[in-house]
Amino acid sequence: MNRIMSNKTEVRRIVFETIATIGVCALVFIGITQTAYSAIINQTNTLPAASSLQTSSQPPSSSIPAGYVKADYQMQLGQYSKPATAQDISKEEAAEIGAQSLWQVFGLDLSGKTIEMTYNAVTSTQPRADWSGIVTINENHAYFFSVDAITGELRVTSQDKYWDKGVDTGMDKSLLTNHAKLDSLAKEIAEKYQLVPGKVASVEYYGQGFTSNPSGAKNADVAMRVKSANGQQAQLTFSRYNQEFLGVAYDCWIKEATLMEEQILKKQQETAATKILIDDQKMEGAQESRGFWLKVTEKSK
């Protein structure tokens, strides 16, 4: 049987890049070779139908953040928006849920701004229909949110920021073992904004990578997982360039992504034409790519 071999974190990071691409939101893009990435992304069209995936049981978002006042923002449908169904919440409801979240987490005042709303229907690689919203400030700064189209549950709240110079997009190997400051920062922010219920019980380093925009500006990022006492999780992303908080993927997003990860890896084991080994340490016959050592071999006979 063929398989991808790597440390646990890096397999997840590749898969989460797949999920982020499918879901429009770029939370943890990984700077890894296209060979390894394609070995997984090319399998996504063979996943089971979305009806086989577990759905969320949490109620719609209903509490308005203290001090929030609805801003005079505009809405427009995105170019690739699909028609919503009668079961879905309206784009107006979804936009307001996202607007409240952006205000609470980033202090974003949407007065006079436009939210580009896109309805993403269920597909074999999109297990839950959602409304996504983008607020563009300029070519190097934009905000994003994703809301479950049925429940109104927040899936993602984030911002994309880029710099033209000074960003090191290589892997910071020191973070593999020394991330105490990020642990504290993730715990502080998660509890401040109640990204998981109650107190944070644990924090886990989850991966790092980088993003870039069409003009070539970049940002390097690192992802941390926080877990509450009742087991709910959130994935927080920070800039490695200046430690700024970039966003959060909530518990429902993590559950969907984890289940899809398992299905992708299962399919990869069954049909992969190559075996890809990924590690932080040098392997015989491997090539280095942005701090990782990759070795690709032919399919076992």
Protein backbone atom coordinates (compact mmCIF):
# COMPACT_ATOMS: atom_id res chain seq x y z
CA MET A 1 0.00 0.00 0.00
CA ASN A 2 1.29 3.43 -0.92
CA ARG A 3 1.27 6.24 1.57
CA ILE A 4 2.55 9.69 2.36
CA MET A 5 5.06 9.54 5.18
CA SER A 6 5.87 12.62 7.22
CA ASN A 7 5.65 14.07 10.66
CA LYS A 8 2.01 14.54 11.70
CA THR A 9 2.04 18.33 11.60
CA GLU A 10 3.29 18.68 8.04
CA VAL A 11 0.74 16.26 6.56
CA ARG A 12 -1.99 18.28 8.22
CA ARG A 13 -0.51 21.51 6.94
CA ILE A 14 -0.58 20.30 3.33
CA VAL A 15 -4.17 19.15 3.73
CA PHE A 16 -5.21 22.40 5.36
CA GLU A 17 -3.78 24.28 2.40
CA THR A 18 -6.14 22.20 0.28
CA ILE A 19 -9.08 23.04 2.53
CA ALA A 20 -8.19 26.73 2.56
CA THR A 21 -8.01 26.84 -1.22
CA ILE A 22 -11.37 25.11 -1.58
CA GLY A 23 -12.97 27.38 0.98
CA VAL A 24 -11.53 30.62 -0.51
CA CYS A 25 -9.93 31.53 2.82
CA ALA A 26 -6.13 31.41 2.99
CA LEU A 27 -5.32 30.77 6.64
CA VAL A 28 -2.38 28.41 6.40
CA PHE A 29 -0.85 28.38 2.94
CA ILE A 30 2.28 26.29 3.02
CA GLY A 31 5.45 27.03 1.09
CA ILE A 32 6.12 23.46 0.00
CA THR A 33 6.86 22.00 -3.44
CA GLN A 34 4.07 21.61 -5.95
CA THR A 35 4.88 17.89 -6.26
CA ALA A 36 3.80 17.19 -2.70
CA TYR A 37 0.84 19.55 -2.86
CA SER A 38 -0.50 18.12 -6.12
CA ALA A 39 -0.35 14.58 -4.78
CA ILE A 40 -3.15 15.49 -2.40
CA ILE A 41 -5.09 18.25 -4.16
CA ASN A 42 -5.55 16.10 -7.27
CA GLN A 43 -7.44 13.51 -5.23
CA THR A 44 -10.13 15.83 -3.89
CA ASN A 45 -12.55 15.27 -6.75
CA THR A 46 -12.98 11.65 -5.66
CA LEU A 47 -14.12 12.33 -2.11
CA PRO A 48 -17.48 10.92 -0.95
CA ALA A 49 -20.51 13.15 -1.25
CA ALA A 50 -20.95 15.88 1.34
CA SER A 51 -23.98 14.12 2.83
CA SER A 52 -21.61 11.59 4.39
CA LEU A 53 -19.84 14.28 6.40
CA GLN A 54 -20.91 15.12 9.92
CA THR A 55 -22.83 18.38 10.16
CA SER A 56 -22.73 21.01 12.86
CA SER A 57 -25.22 20.86 15.71
CA GLN A 58 -24.45 24.29 17.15
CA PRO A 59 -27.18 26.96 17.03
CA PRO A 60 -26.93 30.10 14.87
CA SER A 61 -24.92 33.04 16.15
CA SER A 62 -27.29 35.35 18.01
CA SER A 63 -25.46 37.40 20.63
CA ILE A 64 -24.43 40.91 19.60
CA PRO A 65 -20.98 41.97 20.90
CA ALA A 66 -21.12 44.54 23.69
CA GLY A 67 -20.76 48.06 22.30
CA TYR A 68 -21.41 47.05 18.70
CA VAL A 69 -23.40 49.46 16.52
CA LYS A 70 -24.34 48.36 13.02
CA ALA A 71 -22.37 50.33 10.44
CA ASP A 72 -23.67 51.77 7.19
CA TYR A 73 -21.97 49.28 4.87
CA GLN A 74 -22.89 48.14 1.37
CA MET A 75 -23.14 44.62 -0.06
CA GLN A 76 -22.55 43.16 -3.49
CA LEU A 77 -22.57 39.60 -4.80
CA GLY A 78 -19.24 38.16 -5.84
CA GLN A 79 -18.61 37.08 -9.42
CA TYR A 80 -18.67 33.37 -8.56
CA SER A 81 -21.56 33.37 -6.09
CA LYS A 82 -24.05 30.51 -6.50
CA PRO A 83 -27.80 30.84 -5.84
CA ALA A 84 -28.70 30.25 -2.19
CA THR A 85 -31.50 27.82 -1.30
CA ALA A 86 -34.68 28.35 0.71
CA GLN A 87 -33.02 26.64 3.68
CA ASP A 88 -30.13 29.09 3.81
CA ILE A 89 -29.88 32.29 5.76
CA SER A 90 -29.92 35.42 3.63
CA LYS A 91 -26.80 37.23 2.49
CA GLU A 92 -27.90 40.15 4.68
CA GLU A 93 -27.99 37.95 7.79
CA ALA A 94 -24.65 36.37 6.94
CA ALA A 95 -23.05 39.74 6.24
CA GLU A 96 -24.17 41.12 9.59
CA ILE A 97 -22.83 38.07 11.48
CA GLY A 98 -19.50 38.56 9.72
CA ALA A 99 -19.53 42.30 10.31
CA GLN A 100 -20.02 41.80 14.04
CA SER A 101 -17.17 39.30 14.15
CA LEU A 102 -14.77 41.59 12.24
CA TRP A 103 -15.64 44.43 14.60
CA GLN A 104 -15.20 42.30 17.72
CA VAL A 105 -11.92 40.65 16.70
CA PHE A 106 -10.23 43.38 14.65
CA GLY A 107 -12.13 46.54 15.61
CA LEU A 108 -13.04 47.03 11.93
CA ASP A 109 -15.41 49.93 11.27
CA LEU A 110 -17.36 49.05 8.14
CA SER A 111 -18.93 52.48 7.67
CA GLY A 112 -18.87 53.34 3.96
CA LYS A 113 -17.22 50.01 3.04
CA THR A 114 -18.47 47.24 0.77
CA ILE A 115 -18.73 43.55 1.69
CA GLU A 116 -18.45 41.26 -1.32
CA MET A 117 -20.66 38.27 -0.48
CA THR A 118 -20.32 34.87 -2.14
CA TYR A 119 -22.54 31.84 -1.62
CA ASN A 120 -20.57 28.60 -1.84
CA ALA A 121 -22.81 25.58 -2.41
CA VAL A 122 -22.21 22.06 -1.13
CA THR A 123 -19.92 19.98 -3.35
CA SER A 124 -17.85 16.83 -2.89
CA THR A 125 -15.04 19.04 -1.58
CA GLN A 126 -17.23 21.63 0.19
CA PRO A 127 -19.04 19.67 2.93
CA ARG A 128 -21.12 22.61 4.21
CA ALA A 129 -22.62 25.45 2.21
CA ASP A 130 -21.41 28.82 3.43
CA TRP A 131 -21.55 32.54 2.84
CA SER A 132 -18.13 34.14 2.59
CA GLY A 133 -17.48 37.86 2.76
CA ILE A 134 -14.48 39.93 1.70
CA VAL A 135 -13.81 43.55 2.63
CA THR A 136 -10.96 44.99 0.56
CA ILE A 137 -9.05 47.88 2.11
CA ASN A 138 -6.28 48.01 -0.48
CA GLU A 139 -4.22 45.56 -2.55
CA ASN A 140 -2.17 44.60 0.53
CA HIS A 141 -4.94 44.42 3.11
CA ALA A 142 -8.33 42.70 3.15
CA TYR A 143 -10.68 41.09 5.67
CA PHE A 144 -12.52 37.79 5.29
CA PHE A 145 -15.22 35.80 7.05
CA SER A 146 -17.10 32.57 6.45
CA VAL A 147 -20.52 31.78 7.91
CA ASP A 148 -22.36 28.45 7.78
CA ALA A 149 -25.25 29.03 5.37
CA ILE A 150 -27.69 26.90 7.38
CA THR A 151 -26.88 27.57 11.02
CA GLY A 152 -25.30 31.02 10.82
CA GLU A 153 -22.33 29.64 12.72
CA LEU A 154 -19.04 31.45 12.22
CA ARG A 155 -16.42 29.31 10.51
CA VAL A 156 -13.60 31.79 9.88
CA THR A 157 -12.74 35.40 10.76
CA SER A 158 -9.45 36.64 9.34
CA GLN A 159 -7.42 39.33 7.64
CA ASP A 160 -4.88 39.13 4.83
CA LYS A 161 -1.93 41.54 5.10
CA TYR A 162 1.13 41.72 2.87
CA TRP A 163 4.43 43.60 2.77
CA ASP A 164 6.60 44.37 -0.24
CA LYS A 165 9.92 44.01 1.56
CA GLY A 166 11.54 42.43 4.58
CA VAL A 167 9.44 39.27 4.85
CA ASP A 168 11.39 36.04 5.28
CA THR A 169 9.15 33.28 3.89
CA GLY A 170 11.52 30.45 4.80
CA MET A 171 10.73 28.03 7.57
CA ASP A 172 11.62 29.17 11.10
CA LYS A 173 12.89 25.91 12.56
CA SER A 174 13.24 27.44 16.01
CA LEU A 175 9.44 27.51 16.28
CA LEU A 176 9.30 23.73 16.11
CA THR A 177 10.56 23.53 19.68
CA ASN A 178 10.48 27.08 21.02
CA HIS A 179 7.02 28.66 20.77
CA ALA A 180 6.24 29.66 24.36
CA LYS A 181 5.56 33.29 23.40
CA LEU A 182 3.09 32.20 20.74
CA ASP A 183 1.45 29.82 23.21
CA SER A 184 0.84 32.72 25.59
CA LEU A 185 -0.34 35.02 22.81
CA ALA A 186 -2.76 32.44 21.41
CA LYS A 187 -4.18 31.72 24.88
CA GLU A 188 -4.59 35.43 25.63
CA ILE A 189 -6.41 36.22 22.37
CA ALA A 190 -8.58 33.09 22.46
CA GLU A 191 -9.82 33.94 25.96
CA LYS A 192 -10.17 37.67 25.25
CA TYR A 193 -12.46 37.12 22.28
CA GLN A 194 -13.97 33.81 23.50
CA LEU A 195 -12.82 31.97 20.40
CA VAL A 196 -13.43 28.80 22.40
CA PRO A 197 -15.79 28.64 25.40
CA GLY A 198 -14.31 29.39 28.81
CA LYS A 199 -10.64 29.03 29.67
CA VAL A 200 -8.06 27.59 27.30
CA ALA A 201 -6.93 24.17 28.52
CA SER A 202 -4.09 23.61 26.02
CA VAL A 203 -2.18 25.24 23.16
CA GLU A 204 -0.45 23.36 20.33
CA TYR A 205 1.93 24.58 17.63
CA TYR A 206 0.37 23.54 14.34
CA GLY A 207 2.45 24.72 11.40
CA GLN A 208 3.87 27.64 9.46
CA GLY A 209 4.00 28.89 5.92
CA PHE A 210 3.49 32.04 3.88
CA THR A 211 1.02 33.86 1.64
CA SER A 212 1.52 36.22 -1.29
CA ASN A 213 -0.70 38.41 -3.44
CA PRO A 214 -0.65 39.00 -7.23
CA SER A 215 1.75 41.94 -6.91
CA GLY A 216 4.32 39.74 -5.14
CA ALA A 217 3.93 41.18 -1.62
CA LYS A 218 4.19 38.53 1.08
CA ASN A 219 3.52 37.58 4.66
CA ALA A 220 4.87 34.66 6.67
CA ASP A 221 2.52 32.97 9.12
CA VAL A 222 2.33 30.46 11.94
CA ALA A 223 -0.75 28.57 13.14
CA MET A 224 -1.56 27.59 16.73
CA ARG A 225 -4.37 25.34 17.99
CA VAL A 226 -6.14 26.15 21.26
CA LYS A 227 -8.51 23.77 23.03
CA SER A 228 -11.01 24.49 25.79
CA ALA A 229 -11.81 22.24 28.73
CA ASN A 230 -14.86 20.85 26.89
CA GLY A 231 -12.76 19.91 23.86
CA GLN A 232 -13.75 22.66 21.43
CA GLN A 233 -10.88 23.98 19.34
CA ALA A 234 -9.87 27.04 17.36
CA GLN A 235 -6.94 27.55 15.01
CA LEU A 236 -5.29 30.95 15.39
CA THR A 237 -2.89 32.33 12.80
CA PHE A 238 -0.22 34.98 13.45
CA SER A 239 2.22 36.81 11.22
CA ARG A 240 5.80 35.64 11.68
CA TYR A 241 6.84 39.02 10.27
CA ASN A 242 5.46 41.12 13.14
CA GLN A 243 3.44 38.70 15.35
CA GLU A 244 0.15 40.38 14.35
CA PHE A 245 -3.01 38.30 14.79
CA LEU A 246 -4.27 37.30 11.35
CA GLY A 247 -7.36 35.31 12.13
CA VAL A 248 -9.19 32.31 13.52
CA ALA A 249 -10.81 29.17 12.16
CA TYR A 250 -13.47 28.00 14.60
CA ASP A 251 -14.32 24.54 15.91
CA CYS A 252 -16.81 23.68 13.15
CA TRP A 253 -14.22 24.44 10.44
CA ILE A 254 -11.62 22.30 12.19
CA LYS A 255 -14.01 19.33 12.47
CA GLU A 256 -14.87 19.51 8.78
CA ALA A 257 -11.23 19.91 7.75
CA THR A 258 -10.11 17.04 9.99
CA LEU A 259 -12.71 14.69 8.51
CA MET A 260 -11.78 15.73 4.99
CA GLU A 261 -8.12 15.26 5.85
CA GLU A 262 -8.80 11.67 6.87
CA GLN A 263 -10.69 11.00 3.64
CA ILE A 264 -7.99 12.61 1.48
CA LEU A 265 -5.24 10.59 3.15
CA LYS A 266 -7.27 7.38 2.82
CA LYS A 267 -7.78 8.00 -0.88
CA GLN A 268 -4.10 8.87 -1.23
CA GLN A 269 -3.15 5.55 0.34
CA GLU A 270 -5.36 3.70 -2.14
CA THR A 271 -4.50 5.44 -5.40
CA ALA A 272 -1.29 7.47 -5.14
CA ALA A 273 1.15 6.96 -7.98
CA THR A 274 4.08 8.04 -5.83
CA LYS A 275 5.28 7.83 -2.27
CA ILE A 276 6.25 11.20 -0.80
CA LEU A 277 8.36 11.47 2.32
CA ILE A 278 8.45 14.83 4.10
CA ASP A 279 10.58 15.61 7.12
CA ASP A 280 12.29 18.45 8.95
CA GLN A 281 15.56 16.47 8.92
CA LYS A 282 17.74 15.54 5.96
CA MET A 283 17.06 12.13 4.41
CA GLU A 284 19.23 10.18 2.02
CA GLY A 285 18.31 11.08 -1.55
CA ALA A 286 16.00 13.94 -0.51
CA GLN A 287 15.96 17.51 -1.78
CA GLU A 288 15.49 20.57 0.40
CA SER A 289 12.55 22.89 -0.20
CA ARG A 290 11.99 25.89 2.09
CA GLY A 291 13.32 24.14 5.15
CA PHE A 292 11.83 20.69 4.45
CA TRP A 293 13.43 17.59 3.02
CA LEU A 294 11.30 15.85 0.39
CA LYS A 295 11.86 12.51 -1.28
CA VAL A 296 9.58 11.24 -4.04
CA THR A 297 9.71 7.59 -5.09
CA GLU A 298 7.81 5.53 -7.65
CA LYS A 299 4.74 3.52 -6.76
CA SER A 300 5.41 0.21 -5.04
CA LYS A 301 4.96 -2.84 -7.22
